[in-house]
Protein backbone atom coordinates (compact mmCIF):
# COMPACT_ATOMS: atom_id res chain seq x y z
CA MET A 1 -142.30 -120.71 100.65
CA ASP A 2 -143.37 -117.53 102.49
CA ALA A 3 -146.70 -117.17 104.26
CA ALA A 4 -148.30 -115.07 101.53
CA THR A 5 -147.33 -117.59 98.81
CA HIS A 6 -148.63 -120.48 100.90
CA SER A 7 -151.92 -118.68 101.47
CA ARG A 8 -152.39 -118.32 97.69
CA LYS A 9 -151.49 -121.92 96.89
CA THR A 10 -153.25 -123.87 99.66
CA PRO A 11 -156.54 -125.10 98.16
CA LEU A 12 -159.79 -124.36 99.94
CA HIS A 13 -162.14 -126.95 98.51
CA SER A 14 -165.71 -125.84 97.89
CA SER A 15 -166.89 -129.04 99.60
CA LEU A 16 -165.39 -127.82 102.90
CA ARG A 17 -167.10 -124.47 102.54
CA TYR A 18 -170.44 -126.14 101.87
CA ARG A 19 -170.01 -128.39 104.91
CA LEU A 20 -169.32 -125.36 107.07
CA ILE A 21 -172.34 -123.55 105.65
CA SER A 22 -174.52 -126.61 106.28
CA PHE A 23 -174.44 -126.18 110.05
CA LEU A 24 -173.35 -122.55 110.49
CA GLY A 25 -175.57 -120.96 107.85
CA PRO A 26 -174.44 -118.97 104.78
CA GLU A 27 -174.46 -115.67 106.67
CA HIS A 28 -171.79 -117.01 109.04
CA VAL A 29 -169.32 -118.25 106.44
CA HIS A 30 -167.89 -115.69 104.04
CA ALA A 31 -164.80 -114.90 102.01
CA ALA A 32 -162.07 -113.04 103.84
CA SER A 33 -161.21 -109.50 102.74
CA ALA A 34 -158.39 -107.03 103.42
CA PRO A 35 -159.60 -106.11 106.96
CA ASP A 36 -159.29 -109.80 107.89
CA MET A 37 -155.55 -109.81 107.18
CA VAL A 38 -153.40 -111.22 109.99
CA ALA A 39 -150.05 -109.43 110.35
CA GLY A 40 -149.75 -109.10 106.58
CA VAL A 41 -151.06 -112.58 105.72
CA GLN A 42 -154.39 -112.78 103.87
CA PRO A 43 -156.78 -115.59 104.94
CA LYS A 44 -159.35 -117.07 102.55
CA LEU A 45 -162.41 -117.57 104.72
CA VAL A 46 -164.04 -116.20 107.88
CA VAL A 47 -166.17 -118.54 109.98
CA ILE A 48 -168.45 -117.27 112.77
CA PRO A 49 -169.74 -120.15 114.96
CA GLY A 50 -172.66 -119.55 117.30
CA SER A 51 -171.84 -122.14 119.97
CA GLU A 52 -168.94 -124.06 121.43
CA SER A 53 -170.04 -127.25 119.69
CA GLU A 54 -170.27 -125.47 116.33
CA LEU A 55 -166.80 -124.03 116.82
CA ALA A 56 -165.36 -127.42 117.75
CA GLU A 57 -166.90 -129.07 114.68
CA ALA A 58 -165.73 -126.29 112.36
CA LEU A 59 -162.22 -126.54 113.79
CA ARG A 60 -162.20 -130.33 113.31
CA LEU A 61 -163.22 -130.04 109.66
CA VAL A 62 -160.67 -127.34 108.91
CA SER A 63 -157.91 -129.24 110.71
CA GLU A 64 -158.70 -132.46 108.82
CA ALA A 65 -158.42 -130.46 105.59
CA GLY A 66 -154.87 -129.47 106.56
CA LEU A 67 -155.65 -125.76 106.78
CA ALA A 68 -154.36 -123.25 109.31
CA VAL A 69 -156.65 -121.39 111.69
CA VAL A 70 -156.38 -118.01 113.38
CA SER A 71 -158.96 -117.18 116.04
CA ARG A 72 -160.15 -113.59 116.42
CA GLY A 73 -161.92 -111.71 119.17
CA GLY A 74 -162.13 -107.92 118.99
CA GLY A 75 -159.15 -107.76 116.65
CA THR A 76 -157.25 -105.30 118.85
CA LYS A 77 -154.04 -107.35 118.96
CA MET A 78 -154.03 -109.19 115.63
CA THR A 79 -150.64 -107.69 114.76
CA TRP A 80 -148.99 -108.85 117.99
CA GLY A 81 -146.50 -111.68 117.68
CA ASN A 82 -144.80 -112.84 114.50
CA PRO A 83 -146.73 -113.06 111.22
CA PRO A 84 -148.29 -116.53 110.94
CA SER A 85 -146.54 -118.98 108.65
CA ARG A 86 -150.02 -119.91 107.39
CA ALA A 87 -153.45 -118.34 107.82
CA ASP A 88 -156.25 -119.96 105.81
CA ILE A 89 -159.31 -119.62 108.05
CA VAL A 90 -160.26 -116.96 110.59
CA ILE A 91 -162.63 -118.21 113.28
CA SER A 92 -164.43 -115.22 114.77
CA MET A 93 -165.64 -115.37 118.37
CA ALA A 94 -168.20 -112.58 117.85
CA ARG A 95 -171.24 -114.78 118.59
CA LEU A 96 -169.76 -116.57 121.62
CA ASN A 97 -170.27 -113.49 123.76
CA GLU A 98 -172.72 -114.48 126.48
CA ILE A 99 -172.18 -114.25 130.22
CA THR A 100 -173.40 -117.74 130.97
CA GLU A 101 -173.35 -117.63 134.78
CA HIS A 102 -172.64 -114.89 137.29
CA ALA A 103 -172.48 -116.61 140.67
CA TRP A 104 -172.33 -113.29 142.51
CA ALA A 105 -172.56 -114.90 145.95
CA ASP A 106 -169.47 -116.98 145.15
CA LEU A 107 -167.65 -114.11 143.41
CA THR A 108 -167.25 -116.05 140.13
CA VAL A 109 -168.41 -115.57 136.57
CA SER A 110 -168.47 -117.84 133.52
CA VAL A 111 -168.31 -115.93 130.25
CA GLY A 112 -167.96 -116.61 126.53
CA ALA A 113 -164.63 -115.79 124.94
CA GLY A 114 -166.20 -113.27 122.56
CA CYS A 115 -167.61 -111.04 125.30
CA THR A 116 -165.87 -107.68 125.54
CA ILE A 117 -164.24 -106.70 128.80
CA GLN A 118 -166.36 -103.56 129.01
CA THR A 119 -169.62 -105.49 128.62
CA LEU A 120 -168.50 -107.96 131.27
CA GLN A 121 -167.53 -105.18 133.71
CA GLU A 122 -170.83 -103.36 133.19
CA THR A 123 -172.78 -106.54 133.94
CA LEU A 124 -170.72 -107.36 137.04
CA ALA A 125 -171.06 -103.79 138.31
CA GLN A 126 -174.82 -104.30 138.66
CA HIS A 127 -173.95 -106.53 141.64
CA GLY A 128 -171.15 -104.27 142.92
CA GLN A 129 -168.45 -106.55 141.54
CA ARG A 130 -165.66 -106.46 138.94
CA LEU A 131 -163.02 -108.47 137.22
CA ALA A 132 -159.93 -106.79 138.71
CA LEU A 133 -158.29 -106.37 135.33
CA ASP A 134 -157.46 -103.31 133.22
CA PRO A 135 -156.42 -104.46 129.72
CA LEU A 136 -155.91 -102.30 126.65
CA TRP A 137 -159.01 -101.14 124.71
CA PRO A 138 -161.64 -102.76 126.99
CA ALA A 139 -164.52 -101.62 124.77
CA LYS A 140 -163.26 -103.90 121.97
CA ALA A 141 -160.91 -106.38 123.62
CA THR A 142 -162.57 -109.72 124.34
CA VAL A 143 -162.15 -112.21 127.15
CA GLY A 144 -160.48 -114.76 124.87
CA GLY A 145 -158.15 -112.23 123.28
CA VAL A 146 -157.06 -110.78 126.60
CA LEU A 147 -156.36 -114.25 127.96
CA SER A 148 -154.50 -115.37 124.84
CA THR A 149 -152.20 -112.33 124.90
CA ASN A 150 -151.96 -112.21 128.71
CA ASP A 151 -152.79 -108.52 128.70
CA SER A 152 -153.09 -107.05 132.18
CA GLY A 153 -152.40 -103.55 133.41
CA ALA A 154 -151.51 -101.69 136.58
CA LEU A 155 -154.11 -103.50 138.74
CA ARG A 156 -151.88 -106.56 138.52
CA LEU A 157 -149.86 -105.16 141.43
CA ARG A 158 -152.75 -105.59 143.87
CA PHE A 159 -154.85 -108.38 142.41
CA GLY A 160 -152.31 -110.56 140.65
CA ALA A 161 -151.77 -111.61 137.06
CA LEU A 162 -154.41 -113.03 134.74
CA ARG A 163 -153.27 -116.52 135.69
CA ASP A 164 -154.33 -115.69 139.25
CA LEU A 165 -157.77 -114.43 138.19
CA VAL A 166 -158.80 -117.15 135.73
CA ILE A 167 -159.92 -120.33 137.47
CA GLY A 168 -161.28 -122.28 134.53
CA VAL A 169 -161.30 -122.40 130.73
CA THR A 170 -162.83 -124.43 127.94
CA LEU A 171 -160.66 -124.97 124.88
CA ALA A 172 -161.62 -126.25 121.45
CA LEU A 173 -158.83 -128.52 120.21
CA PRO A 174 -158.08 -129.27 116.55
CA ASP A 175 -159.52 -132.80 116.78
CA GLY A 176 -162.92 -131.34 117.73
CA THR A 177 -162.59 -131.98 121.47
CA LEU A 178 -163.97 -129.44 123.92
CA ALA A 179 -161.61 -129.72 126.88
CA SER A 180 -162.23 -127.97 130.19
CA SER A 181 -160.14 -127.52 133.30
CA GLY A 182 -160.58 -125.68 136.55
CA GLY A 183 -163.88 -124.17 137.69
CA LYS A 184 -167.18 -125.43 136.25
CA VAL A 185 -165.51 -128.54 134.86
CA VAL A 186 -167.21 -130.38 131.99
CA LYS A 187 -164.34 -132.57 130.86
CA ASN A 188 -160.85 -132.56 132.30
CA VAL A 189 -157.58 -133.01 130.44
CA ALA A 190 -155.51 -135.01 132.90
CA GLY A 191 -152.10 -133.58 133.69
CA TYR A 192 -152.67 -130.10 132.23
CA ASP A 193 -153.60 -126.88 134.01
CA LEU A 194 -155.43 -125.46 131.01
CA PRO A 195 -156.21 -121.99 132.45
CA LYS A 196 -152.52 -121.30 133.01
CA LEU A 197 -151.39 -122.99 129.78
CA ALA A 198 -153.87 -121.10 127.60
CA THR A 199 -153.13 -117.71 129.18
CA GLY A 200 -150.50 -116.00 127.08
CA ALA A 201 -150.23 -118.87 124.55
CA PHE A 202 -151.50 -116.72 121.65
CA GLY A 203 -154.10 -119.28 120.66
CA THR A 204 -151.48 -121.85 119.67
CA LEU A 205 -152.73 -124.65 121.96
CA GLY A 206 -156.48 -124.38 121.49
CA ILE A 207 -159.21 -121.81 120.92
CA ILE A 208 -160.57 -120.45 124.19
CA THR A 209 -164.36 -120.65 124.03
CA ARG A 210 -165.25 -119.85 127.64
CA ALA A 211 -163.54 -118.75 130.84
CA VAL A 212 -164.36 -118.68 134.54
CA PHE A 213 -162.93 -115.86 136.68
CA ARG A 214 -162.75 -115.01 140.35
CA LEU A 215 -164.16 -111.58 141.08
CA HIS A 216 -163.59 -108.72 143.52
CA PRO A 217 -165.92 -106.07 144.96
CA LEU A 218 -166.04 -102.66 143.34
CA PRO A 219 -164.18 -100.06 145.44
CA ARG A 220 -166.22 -97.49 147.35
CA ASN A 221 -163.96 -94.64 146.33
CA VAL A 222 -160.78 -94.21 144.30
CA ARG A 223 -158.11 -91.52 144.34
CA SER A 224 -155.07 -91.12 142.10
CA PHE A 225 -151.91 -89.07 142.63
CA SER A 226 -148.92 -88.14 140.51
CA ILE A 227 -145.53 -87.41 142.00
CA GLY A 228 -143.12 -85.27 140.02
CA THR A 229 -139.49 -86.37 140.25
CA LYS A 230 -136.13 -84.95 139.23
CA GLY A 231 -134.89 -88.04 137.43
CA THR A 232 -134.96 -91.81 137.05
CA GLU A 233 -133.11 -92.45 140.33
CA GLU A 234 -135.61 -90.44 142.36
CA ALA A 235 -138.48 -92.19 140.58
CA ARG A 236 -137.04 -95.56 141.62
CA ARG A 237 -136.52 -94.31 145.18
CA ILE A 238 -140.15 -93.23 145.48
CA ILE A 239 -141.44 -96.49 144.02
CA GLN A 240 -139.34 -98.52 146.42
CA ALA A 241 -140.38 -96.32 149.35
CA VAL A 242 -144.04 -96.84 148.50
CA GLN A 243 -143.56 -100.58 148.04
CA ASN A 244 -141.74 -100.91 151.36
CA SER A 245 -144.28 -98.80 153.24
CA LYS A 246 -147.57 -99.74 154.87
CA LEU A 247 -149.55 -97.96 152.16
CA ALA A 248 -152.42 -100.06 150.78
CA HIS A 249 -152.04 -98.92 147.18
CA THR A 250 -153.79 -100.63 144.31
CA ALA A 251 -151.59 -99.57 141.40
CA LEU A 252 -148.20 -97.93 140.95
CA GLN A 253 -146.49 -96.88 137.72
CA ALA A 254 -143.79 -94.58 136.40
CA ARG A 255 -143.85 -92.58 133.17
CA PHE A 256 -140.68 -91.60 131.31
CA GLU A 257 -140.17 -89.44 128.21
CA ASN A 258 -137.31 -87.73 126.37
CA GLU A 259 -136.03 -84.71 128.26
CA VAL A 260 -139.08 -84.73 130.58
CA ALA A 261 -138.95 -85.28 134.34
CA PRO A 262 -140.40 -88.70 135.23
CA LEU A 263 -143.77 -89.01 136.95
CA VAL A 264 -144.78 -91.68 139.46
CA ASP A 265 -148.51 -92.45 139.65
CA ILE A 266 -150.27 -94.18 142.52
CA LEU A 267 -153.86 -95.37 142.94
CA PHE A 268 -155.73 -95.90 146.21
CA GLU A 269 -159.13 -97.50 146.77
CA GLY A 270 -161.28 -97.47 149.92
CA THR A 271 -163.36 -95.25 152.16
CA GLU A 272 -162.92 -91.47 152.17
CA VAL A 273 -161.43 -91.59 155.67
CA GLY A 274 -159.01 -94.29 154.63
CA LEU A 275 -158.03 -92.39 151.50
CA ASP A 276 -157.29 -89.26 153.53
CA ALA A 277 -154.96 -91.28 155.77
CA GLN A 278 -153.25 -92.82 152.74
CA GLU A 279 -152.74 -89.38 151.20
CA ALA A 280 -151.17 -88.02 154.39
CA HIS A 281 -148.74 -90.94 154.55
CA LEU A 282 -147.89 -90.58 150.87
CA LYS A 283 -146.99 -86.92 151.37
CA GLU A 284 -144.48 -87.97 154.02
CA LEU A 285 -142.90 -90.52 151.70
CA ALA A 286 -142.71 -88.12 148.77
CA GLU A 287 -140.64 -85.71 150.90
CA THR A 288 -139.64 -82.79 148.67
CA ALA A 289 -141.15 -84.19 145.46
CA SER A 290 -144.31 -82.50 144.19
CA LEU A 291 -147.55 -84.40 144.83
CA THR A 292 -150.76 -83.64 142.95
CA VAL A 293 -154.20 -85.23 142.76
CA ALA A 294 -154.41 -86.78 139.31
CA SER A 295 -157.15 -87.63 136.84
CA PRO A 296 -158.07 -91.32 136.41
CA GLU A 297 -156.93 -90.85 132.80
CA ILE A 298 -153.31 -91.36 133.89
CA TRP A 299 -154.05 -95.09 134.00
CA ASN A 300 -154.62 -94.99 130.23
CA ALA A 301 -150.98 -93.97 129.74
CA ARG A 302 -149.91 -97.25 128.13
CA GLN A 303 -152.92 -97.19 125.81
CA ASP A 304 -152.06 -93.62 124.80
CA LEU A 305 -148.72 -94.87 123.49
CA TRP A 306 -150.56 -96.04 120.36
CA SER A 307 -151.11 -92.41 119.32
CA PHE A 308 -148.37 -91.88 116.74
CA THR A 309 -147.22 -88.69 115.09
CA LYS A 310 -146.53 -90.87 112.04
CA PRO A 311 -147.56 -94.55 112.31
CA GLU A 312 -144.93 -95.55 109.74
CA LEU A 313 -142.21 -94.27 112.08
CA GLY A 314 -143.29 -95.88 115.36
CA ALA A 315 -142.67 -99.13 117.25
CA ILE A 316 -144.02 -100.40 120.57
CA ALA A 317 -142.64 -103.14 122.78
CA ARG A 318 -143.86 -104.81 125.94
CA ILE A 319 -140.93 -105.10 128.31
CA SER A 320 -140.27 -107.05 131.48
CA ILE A 321 -137.50 -106.09 133.88
CA LEU A 322 -136.58 -106.63 137.50
CA PRO A 323 -138.48 -104.08 139.64
CA ALA A 324 -135.21 -103.02 141.27
CA GLU A 325 -133.83 -102.16 137.80
CA ILE A 326 -136.49 -99.57 136.89
CA ASP A 327 -134.11 -96.60 137.01
CA LYS A 328 -131.30 -98.41 135.16
CA SER A 329 -133.71 -99.68 132.52
CA ALA A 330 -135.25 -96.23 132.01
CA ALA A 331 -131.74 -94.77 131.66
CA ALA A 332 -130.80 -97.48 129.14
CA ILE A 333 -133.91 -96.70 127.08
CA ALA A 334 -133.14 -92.97 127.14
CA LYS A 335 -129.53 -93.61 126.12
CA SER A 336 -130.51 -95.92 123.26
CA ALA A 337 -133.08 -93.40 122.02
CA LYS A 338 -130.43 -90.68 122.03
CA VAL A 339 -127.88 -92.83 120.19
CA TRP A 340 -130.36 -93.75 117.46
CA GLN A 341 -132.05 -90.33 117.37
CA LEU A 342 -135.46 -91.56 118.47
CA ARG A 343 -138.28 -90.11 120.52
CA CYS A 344 -139.29 -92.40 123.37
CA LYS A 345 -142.02 -92.83 125.95
CA THR A 346 -142.12 -95.58 128.55
CA VAL A 347 -144.79 -96.63 131.04
CA LEU A 348 -143.41 -99.01 133.67
CA GLN A 349 -145.48 -100.66 136.37
CA ALA A 350 -143.97 -101.36 139.76
CA THR A 351 -144.15 -105.07 138.90
CA GLY A 352 -141.43 -104.47 136.29
CA ILE A 353 -143.79 -104.91 133.33
CA GLY A 354 -144.32 -102.02 130.97
CA PHE A 355 -144.63 -100.66 127.46
CA LEU A 356 -142.09 -98.70 125.45
CA LYS A 357 -142.77 -96.53 122.40
CA LEU A 358 -140.02 -95.43 120.03
CA GLU A 359 -140.49 -93.09 117.08
CA GLY A 360 -138.00 -92.42 114.30
CA GLU A 361 -136.49 -93.95 111.19
CA ALA A 362 -137.39 -97.62 110.71
CA ALA A 363 -133.77 -98.78 110.51
CA ASN A 364 -132.91 -97.00 113.76
CA LEU A 365 -136.01 -98.41 115.47
CA ARG A 366 -134.84 -101.93 114.73
CA LEU A 367 -131.31 -101.28 115.96
CA SER A 368 -132.55 -99.70 119.18
CA LEU A 369 -135.03 -102.52 119.88
CA GLN A 370 -132.37 -105.16 119.27
CA ASP A 371 -129.91 -103.33 121.50
CA LEU A 372 -132.42 -102.94 124.34
CA ARG A 373 -133.54 -106.58 124.04
CA GLU A 374 -129.96 -107.77 124.49
CA GLN A 375 -129.50 -105.54 127.53
CA PHE A 376 -132.76 -106.65 129.17
CA GLU A 377 -132.17 -110.34 128.48
CA ARG A 378 -128.74 -110.14 130.14
CA ASN A 379 -130.54 -108.98 133.30
CA ALA A 380 -133.34 -111.58 133.38
CA GLY A 381 -135.70 -109.32 131.40
CA SER A 382 -137.38 -109.47 128.00
CA LEU A 383 -138.60 -107.29 125.14
CA PHE A 384 -141.59 -108.33 123.04
CA VAL A 385 -142.30 -106.22 119.94
CA VAL A 386 -146.07 -105.67 119.65
CA HIS A 387 -146.13 -103.01 116.96
CA ARG A 388 -143.69 -102.20 114.19
CA PRO A 389 -143.83 -100.04 111.06
CA ALA A 390 -144.28 -101.78 107.73
CA GLY A 391 -140.91 -100.55 106.51
CA MET A 392 -138.88 -102.04 109.36
CA ALA A 393 -136.63 -105.00 108.52
CA HIS A 394 -137.61 -108.31 110.09
CA LEU A 395 -137.07 -108.61 113.82
CA ASP A 396 -138.39 -111.59 115.76
CA ALA A 397 -141.20 -110.38 117.98
CA TRP A 398 -140.20 -112.48 120.98
CA GLY A 399 -136.45 -112.73 121.39
CA ASN A 400 -134.71 -115.53 123.27
CA ALA A 401 -137.14 -118.28 124.29
CA GLY A 402 -134.82 -119.69 126.95
CA ASP A 403 -134.73 -123.21 128.40
CA ALA A 404 -138.52 -123.54 128.40
CA LEU A 405 -138.81 -123.82 124.60
CA PRO A 406 -138.44 -127.65 124.34
CA LEU A 407 -141.22 -128.12 126.90
CA MET A 408 -143.42 -125.56 125.14
CA LYS A 409 -142.93 -127.36 121.84
CA ALA A 410 -143.79 -130.69 123.45
CA VAL A 411 -147.08 -129.32 124.82
CA LYS A 412 -147.87 -127.80 121.42
CA LYS A 413 -147.26 -131.14 119.71
CA GLN A 414 -149.51 -132.92 122.21
CA LEU A 415 -152.48 -130.55 121.88
CA ASP A 416 -152.04 -129.44 118.26
CA PRO A 417 -150.01 -132.13 116.44
CA GLY A 418 -150.98 -130.84 113.00
CA ASN A 419 -149.79 -127.29 113.76
CA THR A 420 -153.24 -125.99 112.86
CA LEU A 421 -153.54 -123.12 115.33
CA ASN A 422 -151.78 -119.80 114.75
CA PRO A 423 -148.66 -121.50 113.32
CA GLY A 424 -145.46 -119.51 113.68
CA ARG A 425 -146.83 -116.61 115.70
CA PHE A 426 -145.57 -117.57 119.15
CA VAL A 427 -142.19 -117.94 120.85
CA GLY A 428 -139.61 -119.95 118.92
CA GLY A 429 -141.84 -120.17 115.86
CA ILE A 430 -144.50 -122.26 117.65
């Protein structure tokens, strides 16, 4: 039975709906419509709890009824991952959006999962602080969604991954338990590092209701530069020269496109005197390559990939490669695009994480993505499909799960034995 058929046949008893309405209120329980669809699967009901305890109770009732739950923040990444095998109830985090505690003297903040990244940053900025994170679509993306999809940008080079920034989370589990781990502990789950487990788990282990982050000061000044190169090899050389230098750069990325010379972008933060010294040193490293002061907009390059000439002819993948393989990987992407007659754009961070956009016929998109995935996986890399056209034949979003899959399945079984949460969307069909 496919997901759509299951969604039609799974009964949603009126008694469950009335029980949900009894403590959430009728305005916070309503029938799902087309905009609530999850990767092509139509849910039946949308539930909008106003507190962690309400969410936990709603999740317990739904789980006991044998229904499947998909949690939703800003909805910016609802198509990421595989389509769910079931999707009966959407639990919206829209009302769990408060910044509960900003301990500015300790450089920590506790925030509800439904708070948008932009709102959080604006609040922290009032005390000269920030969450050193630059995810996609910060005006809509929420704390819980960003954590669940492990979405971090170019700042990761300087400040670390999301798993380094989150120091505590509270999860609602299908049995109605609110489990916390890390900073601001309420109840611990012995043996599990919940912040690290929940980050990047696509909501399959529990619904993140609150998170605690470590913060960093806002920079006094910022300055961005773009370096024009003659090809992928020179781009790699410049990136390695910058990485091996004494430059105190905050972010470093390379941009590749069909028949266009690659660009290497670098971001500095600090005092004006310090930035002048960094610029002088960078000019020495760039040698004969052209160096220009760039607009801050260059750091939206991966977000700009979602601008399609024709959405039905475009695919986007998040890729992970060895940093030393940037030039070879960019060349492999260009070659594959040429073979399958595709237009391509790639934004690669110096960490080896990046995004790739391909545009062309759906059948050729699939063949190119499969080909590139096999090449990357042979070299300790990965390719995760985050956007695909409706007409493209099925291609698993994740690829090879590797040796970690049995352990991942064991943790899933422990925390979600009824397979209630986002079933089928994650690696290996978890």
